[in-house]
C-alpha atoms as a PDB file:
ATOM      1  CA  UNK A   1      -0.118  18.059  16.598  1.00  0.00           C
ATOM      2  CA  UNK A   2       1.370  18.694  20.111  1.00  0.00           C
ATOM      3  CA  UNK A   3       1.777  15.973  22.874  1.00  0.00           C
ATOM      4  CA  UNK A   4      -1.268  15.578  24.635  1.00  0.00           C
ATOM      5  CA  UNK A   5      -3.631  16.199  21.992  1.00  0.00           C
ATOM      6  CA  UNK A   6      -5.520  13.754  20.118  1.00  0.00           C
ATOM      7  CA  UNK A   7      -6.212  13.095  16.454  1.00  0.00           C
ATOM      8  CA  UNK A   8     -10.074  13.732  17.146  1.00  0.00           C
ATOM      9  CA  UNK A   9      -9.186  17.155  19.334  1.00  0.00           C
ATOM     10  CA  UNK A  10      -6.753  18.375  16.730  1.00  0.00           C
ATOM     11  CA  UNK A  11      -9.179  18.051  13.991  1.00  0.00           C
ATOM     12  CA  UNK A  12     -12.066  19.494  15.625  1.00  0.00           C
ATOM     13  CA  UNK A  13      -9.849  22.436  16.637  1.00  0.00           C
ATOM     14  CA  UNK A  14      -8.297  23.040  13.193  1.00  0.00           C
ATOM     15  CA  UNK A  15     -11.888  23.200  11.823  1.00  0.00           C
ATOM     16  CA  UNK A  16     -13.020  25.547  14.298  1.00  0.00           C
ATOM     17  CA  UNK A  17     -10.350  27.865  13.839  1.00  0.00           C
ATOM     18  CA  UNK A  18     -10.857  27.721  10.264  1.00  0.00           C
ATOM     19  CA  UNK A  19     -14.355  27.929  10.158  1.00  0.00           C
ATOM     20  CA  UNK A  20     -13.923  31.181  12.292  1.00  0.00           C
ATOM     21  CA  UNK A  21     -11.626  32.878   9.831  1.00  0.00           C
ATOM     22  CA  UNK A  22     -13.745  31.657   6.465  1.00  0.00           C
ATOM     23  CA  UNK A  23     -16.473  32.941   8.238  1.00  0.00           C
ATOM     24  CA  UNK A  24     -15.220  36.267   9.013  1.00  0.00           C
ATOM     25  CA  UNK A  25     -13.575  36.515   5.681  1.00  0.00           C
ATOM     26  CA  UNK A  26     -16.822  35.716   3.959  1.00  0.00           C
ATOM     27  CA  UNK A  27     -19.262  38.073   6.136  1.00  0.00           C
ATOM     28  CA  UNK A  28     -16.480  41.168   5.821  1.00  0.00           C
ATOM     29  CA  UNK A  29     -16.706  40.856   2.134  1.00  0.00           C
ATOM     30  CA  UNK A  30     -20.583  40.496   1.404  1.00  0.00           C
ATOM     31  CA  UNK A  31     -22.232  43.129  -0.127  1.00  0.00           C
ATOM     32  CA  UNK A  32     -25.133  43.116   2.389  1.00  0.00           C
ATOM     33  CA  UNK A  33     -23.262  43.787   5.341  1.00  0.00           C
ATOM     34  CA  UNK A  34     -20.804  46.567   4.273  1.00  0.00           C
ATOM     35  CA  UNK A  35     -18.168  46.084   6.981  1.00  0.00           C
ATOM     36  CA  UNK A  36     -15.987  48.959   5.246  1.00  0.00           C
ATOM     37  CA  UNK A  37     -13.033  50.112   6.664  1.00  0.00           C
ATOM     38  CA  UNK A  38     -13.617  47.515   9.827  1.00  0.00           C
ATOM     39  CA  UNK A  39     -12.981  44.347   7.759  1.00  0.00           C
ATOM     40  CA  UNK A  40      -9.107  44.020   7.468  1.00  0.00           C
ATOM     41  CA  UNK A  41      -9.398  44.559  11.464  1.00  0.00           C
ATOM     42  CA  UNK A  42     -12.060  42.037  11.778  1.00  0.00           C
ATOM     43  CA  UNK A  43      -9.854  39.427   9.611  1.00  0.00           C
ATOM     44  CA  UNK A  44      -6.628  40.444  11.461  1.00  0.00           C
ATOM     45  CA  UNK A  45      -8.362  40.210  14.749  1.00  0.00           C
ATOM     46  CA  UNK A  46      -9.952  36.831  14.115  1.00  0.00           C
ATOM     47  CA  UNK A  47      -6.608  35.487  12.754  1.00  0.00           C
ATOM     48  CA  UNK A  48      -4.694  36.677  15.431  1.00  0.00           C
ATOM     49  CA  UNK A  49      -7.407  34.660  18.245  1.00  0.00           C
ATOM     50  CA  UNK A  50      -6.844  31.797  16.118  1.00  0.00           C
ATOM     51  CA  UNK A  51      -3.415  31.402  16.369  1.00  0.00           C
ATOM     52  CA  UNK A  52      -2.908  32.651  20.047  1.00  0.00           C
ATOM     53  CA  UNK A  53      -5.713  29.825  20.469  1.00  0.00           C
ATOM     54  CA  UNK A  54      -4.715  27.252  18.414  1.00  0.00           C
ATOM     55  CA  UNK A  55      -0.447  27.454  18.240  1.00  0.00           C
ATOM     56  CA  UNK A  56      -0.005  25.720  21.665  1.00  0.00           C
ATOM     57  CA  UNK A  57      -2.246  22.631  20.882  1.00  0.00           C
ATOM     58  CA  UNK A  58      -1.956  22.186  17.005  1.00  0.00           C
ATOM     59  CA  UNK A  59       0.502  24.685  15.730  1.00  0.00           C
ATOM     60  CA  UNK A  60      -2.461  26.540  14.430  1.00  0.00           C
ATOM     61  CA  UNK A  61      -1.959  25.727  10.895  1.00  0.00           C
ATOM     62  CA  UNK A  62      -5.304  26.746   9.606  1.00  0.00           C
ATOM     63  CA  UNK A  63      -4.350  25.736   5.799  1.00  0.00           C
ATOM     64  CA  UNK A  64      -2.780  22.832   4.189  1.00  0.00           C
ATOM     65  CA  UNK A  65      -0.651  25.422   2.227  1.00  0.00           C
ATOM     66  CA  UNK A  66       1.365  26.459   5.175  1.00  0.00           C
ATOM     67  CA  UNK A  67       1.821  22.845   6.202  1.00  0.00           C
ATOM     68  CA  UNK A  68       2.375  21.106   2.753  1.00  0.00           C
ATOM     69  CA  UNK A  69       5.344  23.495   1.670  1.00  0.00           C
ATOM     70  CA  UNK A  70       7.396  23.007   4.952  1.00  0.00           C
ATOM     71  CA  UNK A  71       7.124  19.294   5.202  1.00  0.00           C
ATOM     72  CA  UNK A  72       7.489  18.173   1.884  1.00  0.00           C
ATOM     73  CA  UNK A  73      11.009  20.214   1.770  1.00  0.00           C
ATOM     74  CA  UNK A  74      11.708  18.599   5.368  1.00  0.00           C
ATOM     75  CA  UNK A  75      10.736  15.210   4.315  1.00  0.00           C
ATOM     76  CA  UNK A  76       7.940  15.052   6.938  1.00  0.00           C
ATOM     77  CA  UNK A  77       5.301  15.126   4.697  1.00  0.00           C
ATOM     78  CA  UNK A  78       3.759  12.214   6.364  1.00  0.00           C
ATOM     79  CA  UNK A  79       6.148  11.365   9.247  1.00  0.00           C
ATOM     80  CA  UNK A  80       3.707  12.136  11.969  1.00  0.00           C
ATOM     81  CA  UNK A  81       0.268  10.486  12.046  1.00  0.00           C
ATOM     82  CA  UNK A  82      -1.287  13.936  12.923  1.00  0.00           C
ATOM     83  CA  UNK A  83      -0.296  15.534   9.411  1.00  0.00           C
ATOM     84  CA  UNK A  84      -3.462  13.993   8.033  1.00  0.00           C
ATOM     85  CA  UNK A  85      -5.390  16.924  10.119  1.00  0.00           C
ATOM     86  CA  UNK A  86      -3.843  19.648   8.378  1.00  0.00           C
ATOM     87  CA  UNK A  87      -4.993  18.556   5.124  1.00  0.00           C
ATOM     88  CA  UNK A  88      -8.380  17.674   6.235  1.00  0.00           C
ATOM     89  CA  UNK A  89      -9.717  19.879   8.941  1.00  0.00           C
ATOM     90  CA  UNK A  90      -9.336  23.506   7.044  1.00  0.00           C
ATOM     91  CA  UNK A  91     -11.750  22.236   4.168  1.00  0.00           C
ATOM     92  CA  UNK A  92     -14.081  20.832   6.449  1.00  0.00           C
ATOM     93  CA  UNK A  93     -13.890  24.102   8.187  1.00  0.00           C
ATOM     94  CA  UNK A  94     -14.339  26.402   5.171  1.00  0.00           C
ATOM     95  CA  UNK A  95     -16.646  24.221   3.654  1.00  0.00           C
ATOM     96  CA  UNK A  96     -19.265  24.909   6.901  1.00  0.00           C
ATOM     97  CA  UNK A  97     -18.541  28.271   6.950  1.00  0.00           C
ATOM     98  CA  UNK A  98     -19.480  28.576   3.032  1.00  0.00           C
ATOM     99  CA  UNK A  99     -22.411  26.745   4.022  1.00  0.00           C
ATOM    100  CA  UNK A 100     -23.579  28.769   6.550  1.00  0.00           C
ATOM    101  CA  UNK A 101     -22.987  31.978   4.480  1.00  0.00           C
ATOM    102  CA  UNK A 102     -25.011  30.411   1.609  1.00  0.00           C
ATOM    103  CA  UNK A 103     -27.748  29.633   3.850  1.00  0.00           C
ATOM    104  CA  UNK A 104     -27.735  33.014   5.440  1.00  0.00           C
ATOM    105  CA  UNK A 105     -27.317  35.136   1.877  1.00  0.00           C
ATOM    106  CA  UNK A 106     -30.876  32.825   0.787  1.00  0.00           C
ATOM    107  CA  UNK A 107     -32.576  33.690   4.126  1.00  0.00           C
ATOM    108  CA  UNK A 108     -32.068  37.861   3.527  1.00  0.00           C
ATOM    109  CA  UNK A 109     -34.797  39.884   2.000  1.00  0.00           C
ATOM    110  CA  UNK A 110     -33.023  41.430  -1.426  1.00  0.00           C
ATOM    111  CA  UNK A 111     -32.507  45.215  -1.162  1.00  0.00           C
ATOM    112  CA  UNK A 112     -34.811  47.531  -3.546  1.00  0.00           C
ATOM    113  CA  UNK A 113     -32.789  50.140  -5.426  1.00  0.00           C
ATOM    114  CA  UNK A 114     -34.675  53.676  -5.296  1.00  0.00           C
ATOM    115  CA  UNK A 115     -34.263  56.131  -8.018  1.00  0.00           C
ATOM    116  CA  UNK A 116     -32.417  58.684  -6.611  1.00  0.00           C
ATOM    117  CA  UNK A 117     -34.412  61.430  -8.114  1.00  0.00           C
END
């Protein structure tokens, strides 16, 4: 975490950014929404937005793997107290996005396939 950013602020920001990214990924991959050719653009622009928003404050990890590898080889795995944020917040954000997607999927009326004849 950058200086001036508390553990709670970093946790909330990393959770929100992961939620946005996972929510976009789930909804553009969903059969009901059929994003088509706009799906890669939506995912890429969401990732860009999250990085531009979060990098100055938390480094915009958005993934435990992105933090684990460099910190493990540099010997900084638990050197700073804010490192735990990068291992917990993405799981919370992804779980919230999956829960929202599941709730919205359960509320949808199933499509009835019509016979092409």
